[in-house]
C-alpha atoms as a PDB file:
ATOM      1  CA  GLY A   1    -164.743 107.098 167.211  1.00  0.00           C
ATOM      2  CA  ALA A   2    -163.269 105.607 170.320  1.00  0.00           C
ATOM      3  CA  THR A   3    -164.694 106.103 173.799  1.00  0.00           C
ATOM      4  CA  PRO A   4    -162.415 108.461 175.768  1.00  0.00           C
ATOM      5  CA  SER A   5    -160.751 107.364 178.981  1.00  0.00           C
ATOM      6  CA  PRO A   6    -162.547 108.716 182.074  1.00  0.00           C
ATOM      7  CA  LEU A   7    -159.076 109.465 183.431  1.00  0.00           C
ATOM      8  CA  SER A   8    -158.303 111.769 180.492  1.00  0.00           C
ATOM      9  CA  TRP A   9    -161.423 113.488 179.109  1.00  0.00           C
ATOM     10  CA  PRO A  10    -160.988 115.415 175.851  1.00  0.00           C
ATOM     11  CA  THR A  11    -161.142 119.205 175.931  1.00  0.00           C
ATOM     12  CA  GLY A  12    -164.456 120.805 175.007  1.00  0.00           C
ATOM     13  CA  CYS A  13    -167.412 118.503 174.515  1.00  0.00           C
ATOM     14  CA  ARG A  14    -166.725 114.940 175.655  1.00  0.00           C
ATOM     15  CA  PHE A  15    -168.323 113.592 172.476  1.00  0.00           C
ATOM     16  CA  HIS A  16    -166.539 115.752 169.867  1.00  0.00           C
ATOM     17  CA  ASN A  17    -164.138 113.003 168.767  1.00  0.00           C
ATOM     18  CA  ARG A  18    -167.028 110.718 167.751  1.00  0.00           C
ATOM     19  CA  CYS A  19    -169.876 113.104 166.853  1.00  0.00           C
ATOM     20  CA  PRO A  20    -170.992 113.407 163.206  1.00  0.00           C
ATOM     21  CA  TYR A  21    -172.006 117.057 163.822  1.00  0.00           C
ATOM     22  CA  VAL A  22    -168.747 118.267 165.402  1.00  0.00           C
ATOM     23  CA  MET A  23    -167.923 121.968 164.989  1.00  0.00           C
ATOM     24  CA  GLU A  24    -164.793 123.914 165.905  1.00  0.00           C
ATOM     25  CA  ILE A  25    -166.331 125.188 169.175  1.00  0.00           C
ATOM     26  CA  CYS A  26    -166.984 121.583 170.261  1.00  0.00           C
ATOM     27  CA  GLN A  27    -163.246 120.933 170.445  1.00  0.00           C
ATOM     28  CA  THR A  28    -162.518 123.802 172.847  1.00  0.00           C
ATOM     29  CA  THR A  29    -165.646 124.758 174.828  1.00  0.00           C
ATOM     30  CA  PRO A  30    -167.817 122.341 176.803  1.00  0.00           C
ATOM     31  CA  PRO A  31    -171.533 122.933 176.134  1.00  0.00           C
ATOM     32  CA  LEU A  32    -173.841 123.945 178.983  1.00  0.00           C
ATOM     33  CA  LEU A  33    -176.809 121.808 180.012  1.00  0.00           C
ATOM     34  CA  ALA A  34    -179.879 123.852 179.065  1.00  0.00           C
ATOM     35  CA  SER A  35    -183.636 123.439 178.668  1.00  0.00           C
ATOM     36  CA  VAL A  36    -184.890 124.034 175.142  1.00  0.00           C
ATOM     37  CA  GLN A  37    -188.293 125.063 173.838  1.00  0.00           C
ATOM     38  CA  GLY A  38    -190.216 122.519 171.847  1.00  0.00           C
ATOM     39  CA  GLY A  39    -190.982 122.762 168.159  1.00  0.00           C
ATOM     40  CA  GLU A  40    -189.258 122.309 164.838  1.00  0.00           C
ATOM     41  CA  ARG A  41    -185.620 123.333 164.467  1.00  0.00           C
ATOM     42  CA  LYS A  42    -183.219 123.456 161.574  1.00  0.00           C
ATOM     43  CA  VAL A  43    -180.018 121.639 162.517  1.00  0.00           C
ATOM     44  CA  LEU A  44    -177.309 121.459 159.861  1.00  0.00           C
ATOM     45  CA  GLY A  45    -179.865 121.590 157.051  1.00  0.00           C
ATOM     46  CA  THR A  46    -182.197 119.010 158.603  1.00  0.00           C
ATOM     47  CA  THR A  47    -185.488 119.772 160.353  1.00  0.00           C
ATOM     48  CA  ILE A  48    -185.910 118.011 163.688  1.00  0.00           C
ATOM     49  CA  GLU A  49    -188.794 117.990 166.170  1.00  0.00           C
ATOM     50  CA  VAL A  50    -187.797 118.902 169.737  1.00  0.00           C
ATOM     51  CA  ARG A  51    -189.991 118.066 172.735  1.00  0.00           C
ATOM     52  CA  ASP A  52    -190.755 121.001 175.038  1.00  0.00           C
ATOM     53  CA  GLY A  53    -188.629 121.054 178.181  1.00  0.00           C
ATOM     54  CA  ARG A  54    -185.958 118.733 176.789  1.00  0.00           C
ATOM     55  CA  ARG A  55    -182.539 119.308 178.340  1.00  0.00           C
ATOM     56  CA  VAL A  56    -179.502 119.176 176.100  1.00  0.00           C
ATOM     57  CA  ALA A  57    -175.786 119.908 176.271  1.00  0.00           C
ATOM     58  CA  CYS A  58    -174.833 120.399 172.636  1.00  0.00           C
ATOM     59  CA  HIS A  59    -173.585 123.390 170.637  1.00  0.00           C
ATOM     60  CA  LEU A  60    -176.166 122.622 167.931  1.00  0.00           C
ATOM     61  CA  TYR A  61    -178.565 124.338 170.352  1.00  0.00           C
ATOM     62  CA  PRO A  62    -177.665 128.017 171.015  1.00  0.00           C
ATOM     63  CA  GLU A  63    -178.999 127.677 174.577  1.00  0.00           C
ATOM     64  CA  SER A  64    -176.057 125.360 175.355  1.00  0.00           C
ATOM     65  CA  THR A  65    -173.378 127.733 174.074  1.00  0.00           C
ATOM     66  CA  PRO A  66    -171.920 130.146 176.662  1.00  0.00           C
ATOM     67  CA  GLY A  67    -172.586 133.750 175.674  1.00  0.00           C
ATOM     68  CA  GLU A  68    -175.444 132.961 173.259  1.00  0.00           C
ATOM     69  CA  SER A  69    -178.854 134.473 173.942  1.00  0.00           C
ATOM     70  CA  LEU A  70    -181.969 132.330 174.264  1.00  0.00           C
END
Protein backbone atom coordinates (compact mmCIF):
# COMPACT_ATOMS: atom_id res chain seq x y z
CA GLY A 1 0.00 0.00 0.00
CA ALA A 2 0.89 3.64 -0.23
CA THR A 3 2.46 5.62 2.60
CA PRO A 4 -0.15 7.99 4.07
CA SER A 5 0.37 11.74 4.07
CA PRO A 6 1.49 13.04 7.49
CA LEU A 7 -0.98 15.87 6.93
CA SER A 8 -3.89 13.42 6.66
CA TRP A 9 -3.36 10.27 8.75
CA PRO A 10 -5.88 7.45 8.24
CA THR A 11 -8.36 6.69 11.00
CA GLY A 12 -7.49 3.83 13.34
CA CYS A 13 -4.06 2.29 12.99
CA ARG A 14 -1.75 4.30 10.73
CA PHE A 15 -0.62 1.10 9.01
CA HIS A 16 -4.02 -0.50 8.29
CA ASN A 17 -4.04 0.43 4.59
CA ARG A 18 -0.81 -1.50 3.96
CA CYS A 19 -0.79 -4.24 6.63
CA PRO A 20 -1.25 -7.89 5.57
CA TYR A 21 -2.91 -8.66 8.95
CA VAL A 22 -5.50 -5.85 8.92
CA MET A 23 -8.71 -6.47 10.88
CA GLU A 24 -11.90 -4.42 11.10
CA ILE A 25 -10.85 -2.82 14.42
CA CYS A 26 -7.63 -1.57 12.78
CA GLN A 27 -9.64 0.72 10.52
CA THR A 28 -11.45 2.51 13.36
CA THR A 29 -9.46 2.26 16.62
CA PRO A 30 -5.80 3.19 17.03
CA PRO A 31 -3.90 0.52 19.00
CA LEU A 32 -2.26 1.42 22.32
CA LEU A 33 1.48 1.08 22.86
CA ALA A 34 1.88 -1.75 25.37
CA SER A 35 4.57 -4.01 26.80
CA VAL A 36 4.04 -7.69 26.08
CA GLN A 37 5.26 -10.80 27.88
CA GLY A 38 7.75 -12.96 26.08
CA GLY A 39 7.09 -16.44 24.78
CA GLU A 40 5.33 -18.15 21.92
CA ARG A 41 2.08 -16.69 20.59
CA LYS A 42 -0.41 -17.80 17.99
CA VAL A 43 -1.05 -14.94 15.57
CA LEU A 44 -3.47 -15.63 12.73
CA GLY A 45 -2.62 -19.33 12.71
CA THR A 46 1.15 -18.80 12.88
CA THR A 47 3.31 -19.29 15.97
CA ILE A 48 5.73 -16.44 16.63
CA GLU A 49 8.36 -15.95 19.34
CA VAL A 50 8.04 -12.67 21.26
CA ARG A 51 10.91 -11.23 23.30
CA ASP A 52 10.04 -10.33 26.90
CA GLY A 53 9.43 -6.63 27.44
CA ARG A 54 8.86 -5.87 23.75
CA ARG A 55 6.59 -2.87 23.19
CA VAL A 56 4.03 -3.05 20.43
CA ALA A 57 1.08 -1.05 19.13
CA CYS A 58 -0.90 -3.62 17.15
CA HIS A 59 -4.34 -5.17 17.60
CA LEU A 60 -2.82 -8.63 17.02
CA TYR A 61 -1.73 -8.27 20.66
CA PRO A 62 -4.69 -7.98 23.10
CA GLU A 63 -2.58 -5.71 25.33
CA SER A 64 -2.74 -3.03 22.61
CA THR A 65 -6.53 -3.11 22.25
CA PRO A 66 -8.46 -0.68 24.50
CA GLY A 67 -10.76 -2.56 26.85
CA GLU A 68 -8.97 -5.92 26.54
CA SER A 69 -7.53 -7.49 29.68
CA LEU A 70 -3.87 -8.48 29.94
